[in-house]
Amino acid sequence: MAAGRWALLIVAVVLMIVSVTLALQGSEGLWFTAVAMGIAIFTTLRSGLKERRQNQGNSASES
């Protein structure tokens, strides 16, 4: 994965941890942010895996 994706993952994880912590303390509106960060983490990891599979497939077909 590119450096930009790693930065996005780090920011999303930090925001999700903060949001969940505050939501557990009573801020109900932050559950939406926690869910959004979970979705961002999932889609970023999924696109990275797809890209890796495509690169492996391309290198295997060139051999």
PDB file of N, CA and C in Angstrom:
ATOM      1  N   MET A   1       0.846  -1.185   0.000  1.00  0.00           N
ATOM      2  CA  MET A   1       0.000   0.000   0.000  1.00  0.00           C
ATOM      3  C   MET A   1       0.884   1.239   0.000  1.00  0.00           C
ATOM      4  N   ALA A   2       0.359   2.268  -0.583  1.00  0.00           N
ATOM      5  CA  ALA A   2       1.083   3.530  -0.674  1.00  0.00           C
ATOM      6  C   ALA A   2       1.080   4.242   0.677  1.00  0.00           C
ATOM      7  N   ALA A   3       1.981   5.190   0.801  1.00  0.00           N
ATOM      8  CA  ALA A   3       2.111   5.937   2.056  1.00  0.00           C
ATOM      9  C   ALA A   3       0.829   6.701   2.385  1.00  0.00           C
ATOM     10  N   GLY A   4       0.138   7.179   1.372  1.00  0.00           N
ATOM     11  CA  GLY A   4      -1.109   7.903   1.597  1.00  0.00           C
ATOM     12  C   GLY A   4      -2.190   7.035   2.223  1.00  0.00           C
ATOM     13  N   ARG A   5      -2.227   5.776   1.800  1.00  0.00           N
ATOM     14  CA  ARG A   5      -3.211   4.851   2.383  1.00  0.00           C
ATOM     15  C   ARG A   5      -2.870   4.548   3.832  1.00  0.00           C
ATOM     16  N   TRP A   6      -1.591   4.391   4.130  1.00  0.00           N
ATOM     17  CA  TRP A   6      -1.196   4.141   5.517  1.00  0.00           C
ATOM     18  C   TRP A   6      -1.554   5.331   6.391  1.00  0.00           C
ATOM     19  N   ALA A   7      -1.358   6.542   5.880  1.00  0.00           N
ATOM     20  CA  ALA A   7      -1.712   7.745   6.641  1.00  0.00           C
ATOM     21  C   ALA A   7      -3.218   7.793   6.885  1.00  0.00           C
ATOM     22  N   LEU A   8      -4.007   7.478   5.863  1.00  0.00           N
ATOM     23  CA  LEU A   8      -5.462   7.445   6.017  1.00  0.00           C
ATOM     24  C   LEU A   8      -5.874   6.417   7.062  1.00  0.00           C
ATOM     25  N   LEU A   9      -5.247   5.244   7.031  1.00  0.00           N
ATOM     26  CA  LEU A   9      -5.567   4.206   8.014  1.00  0.00           C
ATOM     27  C   LEU A   9      -5.234   4.656   9.432  1.00  0.00           C
ATOM     28  N   ILE A  10      -4.102   5.293   9.618  1.00  0.00           N
ATOM     29  CA  ILE A  10      -3.711   5.748  10.954  1.00  0.00           C
ATOM     30  C   ILE A  10      -4.688   6.791  11.468  1.00  0.00           C
ATOM     31  N   VAL A  11      -5.031   7.751  10.633  1.00  0.00           N
ATOM     32  CA  VAL A  11      -5.981   8.791  11.045  1.00  0.00           C
ATOM     33  C   VAL A  11      -7.347   8.178  11.347  1.00  0.00           C
ATOM     34  N   ALA A  12      -7.805   7.260  10.508  1.00  0.00           N
ATOM     35  CA  ALA A  12      -9.113   6.632  10.711  1.00  0.00           C
ATOM     36  C   ALA A  12      -9.139   5.814  11.997  1.00  0.00           C
ATOM     37  N   VAL A  13      -8.066   5.089  12.271  1.00  0.00           N
ATOM     38  CA  VAL A  13      -8.020   4.283  13.498  1.00  0.00           C
ATOM     39  C   VAL A  13      -8.037   5.186  14.730  1.00  0.00           C
ATOM     40  N   VAL A  14      -7.264   6.246  14.709  1.00  0.00           N
ATOM     41  CA  VAL A  14      -7.235   7.166  15.855  1.00  0.00           C
ATOM     42  C   VAL A  14      -8.609   7.798  16.060  1.00  0.00           C
ATOM     43  N   LEU A  15      -9.230   8.257  14.984  1.00  0.00           N
ATOM     44  CA  LEU A  15     -10.560   8.862  15.104  1.00  0.00           C
ATOM     45  C   LEU A  15     -11.598   7.855  15.586  1.00  0.00           C
ATOM     46  N   MET A  16     -11.487   6.612  15.126  1.00  0.00           N
ATOM     47  CA  MET A  16     -12.441   5.600  15.557  1.00  0.00           C
ATOM     48  C   MET A  16     -12.267   5.305  17.052  1.00  0.00           C
ATOM     49  N   ILE A  17     -11.038   5.204  17.514  1.00  0.00           N
ATOM     50  CA  ILE A  17     -10.805   4.945  18.934  1.00  0.00           C
ATOM     51  C   ILE A  17     -11.338   6.089  19.788  1.00  0.00           C
ATOM     52  N   VAL A  18     -11.067   7.315  19.393  1.00  0.00           N
ATOM     53  CA  VAL A  18     -11.553   8.480  20.144  1.00  0.00           C
ATOM     54  C   VAL A  18     -13.074   8.525  20.120  1.00  0.00           C
ATOM     55  N   SER A  19     -13.669   8.284  18.959  1.00  0.00           N
ATOM     56  CA  SER A  19     -15.125   8.332  18.837  1.00  0.00           C
ATOM     57  C   SER A  19     -15.802   7.259  19.683  1.00  0.00           C
ATOM     58  N   VAL A  20     -15.269   6.052  19.651  1.00  0.00           N
ATOM     59  CA  VAL A  20     -15.861   4.974  20.446  1.00  0.00           C
ATOM     60  C   VAL A  20     -15.719   5.272  21.933  1.00  0.00           C
ATOM     61  N   THR A  21     -14.552   5.769  22.329  1.00  0.00           N
ATOM     62  CA  THR A  21     -14.336   6.099  23.733  1.00  0.00           C
ATOM     63  C   THR A  21     -15.320   7.164  24.213  1.00  0.00           C
ATOM     64  N   LEU A  22     -15.481   8.218  23.426  1.00  0.00           N
ATOM     65  CA  LEU A  22     -16.408   9.277  23.818  1.00  0.00           C
ATOM     66  C   LEU A  22     -17.856   8.822  23.736  1.00  0.00           C
ATOM     67  N   ALA A  23     -18.165   7.968  22.767  1.00  0.00           N
ATOM     68  CA  ALA A  23     -19.532   7.466  22.647  1.00  0.00           C
ATOM     69  C   ALA A  23     -19.885   6.584  23.843  1.00  0.00           C
ATOM     70  N   LEU A  24     -18.937   5.814  24.318  1.00  0.00           N
ATOM     71  CA  LEU A  24     -19.185   4.985  25.495  1.00  0.00           C
ATOM     72  C   LEU A  24     -19.393   5.825  26.749  1.00  0.00           C
ATOM     73  N   GLN A  25     -18.858   7.044  26.727  1.00  0.00           N
ATOM     74  CA  GLN A  25     -19.029   7.945  27.867  1.00  0.00           C
ATOM     75  C   GLN A  25     -20.317   8.758  27.773  1.00  0.00           C
ATOM     76  N   GLY A  26     -21.071   8.573  26.703  1.00  0.00           N
ATOM     77  CA  GLY A  26     -22.374   9.210  26.638  1.00  0.00           C
ATOM     78  C   GLY A  26     -22.640  10.095  25.449  1.00  0.00           C
ATOM     79  N   SER A  27     -21.680  10.325  24.590  1.00  0.00           N
ATOM     80  CA  SER A  27     -21.904  11.156  23.408  1.00  0.00           C
ATOM     81  C   SER A  27     -22.446  10.279  22.287  1.00  0.00           C
ATOM     82  N   GLU A  28     -23.760  10.184  22.205  1.00  0.00           N
ATOM     83  CA  GLU A  28     -24.379   9.261  21.246  1.00  0.00           C
ATOM     84  C   GLU A  28     -24.126   9.640  19.798  1.00  0.00           C
ATOM     85  N   GLY A  29     -23.918  10.899  19.523  1.00  0.00           N
ATOM     86  CA  GLY A  29     -23.693  11.326  18.145  1.00  0.00           C
ATOM     87  C   GLY A  29     -22.394  10.825  17.558  1.00  0.00           C
ATOM     88  N   LEU A  30     -21.458  10.426  18.387  1.00  0.00           N
ATOM     89  CA  LEU A  30     -20.163   9.987  17.882  1.00  0.00           C
ATOM     90  C   LEU A  30     -20.166   8.539  17.395  1.00  0.00           C
ATOM     91  N   TRP A  31     -21.238   7.817  17.592  1.00  0.00           N
ATOM     92  CA  TRP A  31     -21.320   6.464  17.036  1.00  0.00           C
ATOM     93  C   TRP A  31     -21.296   6.518  15.516  1.00  0.00           C
ATOM     94  N   PHE A  32     -21.914   7.558  14.962  1.00  0.00           N
ATOM     95  CA  PHE A  32     -21.910   7.712  13.506  1.00  0.00           C
ATOM     96  C   PHE A  32     -20.475   7.874  12.999  1.00  0.00           C
ATOM     97  N   THR A  33     -19.677   8.678  13.685  1.00  0.00           N
ATOM     98  CA  THR A  33     -18.286   8.879  13.287  1.00  0.00           C
ATOM     99  C   THR A  33     -17.496   7.582  13.418  1.00  0.00           C
ATOM    100  N   ALA A  34     -17.737   6.834  14.488  1.00  0.00           N
ATOM    101  CA  ALA A  34     -17.029   5.567  14.689  1.00  0.00           C
ATOM    102  C   ALA A  34     -17.361   4.581  13.571  1.00  0.00           C
ATOM    103  N   VAL A  35     -18.614   4.514  13.197  1.00  0.00           N
ATOM    104  CA  VAL A  35     -19.026   3.611  12.104  1.00  0.00           C
ATOM    105  C   VAL A  35     -18.418   4.073  10.789  1.00  0.00           C
ATOM    106  N   ALA A  36     -18.406   5.370  10.546  1.00  0.00           N
ATOM    107  CA  ALA A  36     -17.823   5.902   9.314  1.00  0.00           C
ATOM    108  C   ALA A  36     -16.332   5.587   9.233  1.00  0.00           C
ATOM    109  N   MET A  37     -15.632   5.688  10.338  1.00  0.00           N
ATOM    110  CA  MET A  37     -14.205   5.364  10.340  1.00  0.00           C
ATOM    111  C   MET A  37     -13.987   3.865  10.132  1.00  0.00           C
ATOM    112  N   GLY A  38     -14.863   3.044  10.681  1.00  0.00           N
ATOM    113  CA  GLY A  38     -14.780   1.601  10.444  1.00  0.00           C
ATOM    114  C   GLY A  38     -14.954   1.272   8.977  1.00  0.00           C
ATOM    115  N   ILE A  39     -15.894   1.938   8.343  1.00  0.00           N
ATOM    116  CA  ILE A  39     -16.115   1.733   6.908  1.00  0.00           C
ATOM    117  C   ILE A  39     -14.903   2.209   6.109  1.00  0.00           C
ATOM    118  N   ALA A  40     -14.335   3.344   6.492  1.00  0.00           N
ATOM    119  CA  ALA A  40     -13.150   3.861   5.793  1.00  0.00           C
ATOM    120  C   ALA A  40     -11.977   2.902   5.921  1.00  0.00           C
ATOM    121  N   ILE A  41     -11.790   2.339   7.099  1.00  0.00           N
ATOM    122  CA  ILE A  41     -10.707   1.379   7.310  1.00  0.00           C
ATOM    123  C   ILE A  41     -10.936   0.136   6.458  1.00  0.00           C
ATOM    124  N   PHE A  42     -12.151  -0.380   6.472  1.00  0.00           N
ATOM    125  CA  PHE A  42     -12.484  -1.584   5.702  1.00  0.00           C
ATOM    126  C   PHE A  42     -12.256  -1.373   4.211  1.00  0.00           C
ATOM    127  N   THR A  43     -12.759  -0.275   3.665  1.00  0.00           N
ATOM    128  CA  THR A  43     -12.633  -0.055   2.224  1.00  0.00           C
ATOM    129  C   THR A  43     -11.181   0.195   1.822  1.00  0.00           C
ATOM    130  N   THR A  44     -10.413   0.863   2.667  1.00  0.00           N
ATOM    131  CA  THR A  44      -9.009   1.101   2.349  1.00  0.00           C
ATOM    132  C   THR A  44      -8.228  -0.204   2.331  1.00  0.00           C
ATOM    133  N   LEU A  45      -8.449  -1.042   3.335  1.00  0.00           N
ATOM    134  CA  LEU A  45      -7.760  -2.336   3.366  1.00  0.00           C
ATOM    135  C   LEU A  45      -8.189  -3.220   2.201  1.00  0.00           C
ATOM    136  N   ARG A  46      -9.482  -3.193   1.888  1.00  0.00           N
ATOM    137  CA  ARG A  46      -9.997  -4.021   0.791  1.00  0.00           C
ATOM    138  C   ARG A  46      -9.415  -3.586  -0.560  1.00  0.00           C
ATOM    139  N   SER A  47      -9.329  -2.283  -0.794  1.00  0.00           N
ATOM    140  CA  SER A  47      -8.771  -1.818  -2.063  1.00  0.00           C
ATOM    141  C   SER A  47      -7.278  -2.127  -2.150  1.00  0.00           C
ATOM    142  N   GLY A  48      -6.582  -2.077  -1.009  1.00  0.00           N
ATOM    143  CA  GLY A  48      -5.171  -2.455  -1.009  1.00  0.00           C
ATOM    144  C   GLY A  48      -4.976  -3.920  -1.340  1.00  0.00           C
ATOM    145  N   LEU A  49      -5.848  -4.781  -0.805  1.00  0.00           N
ATOM    146  CA  LEU A  49      -5.759  -6.213  -1.107  1.00  0.00           C
ATOM    147  C   LEU A  49      -6.071  -6.489  -2.571  1.00  0.00           C
ATOM    148  N   LYS A  50      -7.072  -5.799  -3.124  1.00  0.00           N
ATOM    149  CA  LYS A  50      -7.405  -5.982  -4.535  1.00  0.00           C
ATOM    150  C   LYS A  50      -6.233  -5.569  -5.423  1.00  0.00           C
ATOM    151  N   GLU A  51      -5.603  -4.453  -5.061  1.00  0.00           N
ATOM    152  CA  GLU A  51      -4.471  -3.973  -5.840  1.00  0.00           C
ATOM    153  C   GLU A  51      -3.313  -4.963  -5.778  1.00  0.00           C
ATOM    154  N   ARG A  52      -3.075  -5.525  -4.609  1.00  0.00           N
ATOM    155  CA  ARG A  52      -2.001  -6.506  -4.451  1.00  0.00           C
ATOM    156  C   ARG A  52      -2.279  -7.751  -5.285  1.00  0.00           C
ATOM    157  N   ARG A  53      -3.537  -8.210  -5.278  1.00  0.00           N
ATOM    158  CA  ARG A  53      -3.891  -9.395  -6.073  1.00  0.00           C
ATOM    159  C   ARG A  53      -3.707  -9.138  -7.563  1.00  0.00           C
ATOM    160  N   GLN A  54      -4.077  -7.936  -8.016  1.00  0.00           N
ATOM    161  CA  GLN A  54      -3.911  -7.607  -9.427  1.00  0.00           C
ATOM    162  C   GLN A  54      -2.433  -7.575  -9.799  1.00  0.00           C
ATOM    163  N   ASN A  55      -1.606  -7.021  -8.925  1.00  0.00           N
ATOM    164  CA  ASN A  55      -0.174  -6.955  -9.206  1.00  0.00           C
ATOM    165  C   ASN A  55       0.440  -8.348  -9.223  1.00  0.00           C
ATOM    166  N   GLN A  56       0.009  -9.237  -8.344  1.00  0.00           N
ATOM    167  CA  GLN A  56       0.512 -10.599  -8.349  1.00  0.00           C
ATOM    168  C   GLN A  56       0.049 -11.337  -9.596  1.00  0.00           C
ATOM    169  N   GLY A  57      -1.183 -11.092 -10.013  1.00  0.00           N
ATOM    170  CA  GLY A  57      -1.705 -11.727 -11.220  1.00  0.00           C
ATOM    171  C   GLY A  57      -0.966 -11.260 -12.452  1.00  0.00           C
ATOM    172  N   ASN A  58      -0.646  -9.977 -12.500  1.00  0.00           N
ATOM    173  CA  ASN A  58       0.088  -9.432 -13.653  1.00  0.00           C
ATOM    174  C   ASN A  58       1.508  -9.976 -13.706  1.00  0.00           C
ATOM    175  N   SER A  59       2.158 -10.099 -12.568  1.00  0.00           N
ATOM    176  CA  SER A  59       3.534 -10.602 -12.562  1.00  0.00           C
ATOM    177  C   SER A  59       3.565 -12.096 -12.871  1.00  0.00           C
ATOM    178  N   ALA A  60       2.533 -12.835 -12.483  1.00  0.00           N
ATOM    179  CA  ALA A  60       2.480 -14.257 -12.781  1.00  0.00           C
ATOM    180  C   ALA A  60       2.242 -14.491 -14.277  1.00  0.00           C
ATOM    181  N   SER A  61       1.442 -13.647 -14.901  1.00  0.00           N
ATOM    182  CA  SER A  61       1.149 -13.825 -16.326  1.00  0.00           C
ATOM    183  C   SER A  61       2.339 -13.402 -17.196  1.00  0.00           C
ATOM    184  N   GLU A  62       3.210 -12.545 -16.679  1.00  0.00           N
ATOM    185  CA  GLU A  62       4.390 -12.118 -17.438  1.00  0.00           C
ATOM    186  C   GLU A  62       5.475 -13.185 -17.423  1.00  0.00           C
ATOM    187  N   SER A  63       5.457 -14.078 -16.447  1.00  0.00           N
ATOM    188  CA  SER A  63       6.513 -15.104 -16.338  1.00  0.00           C
ATOM    189  C   SER A  63       6.379 -16.179 -17.385  1.00  0.00           C
TER     190      SER A  63
END
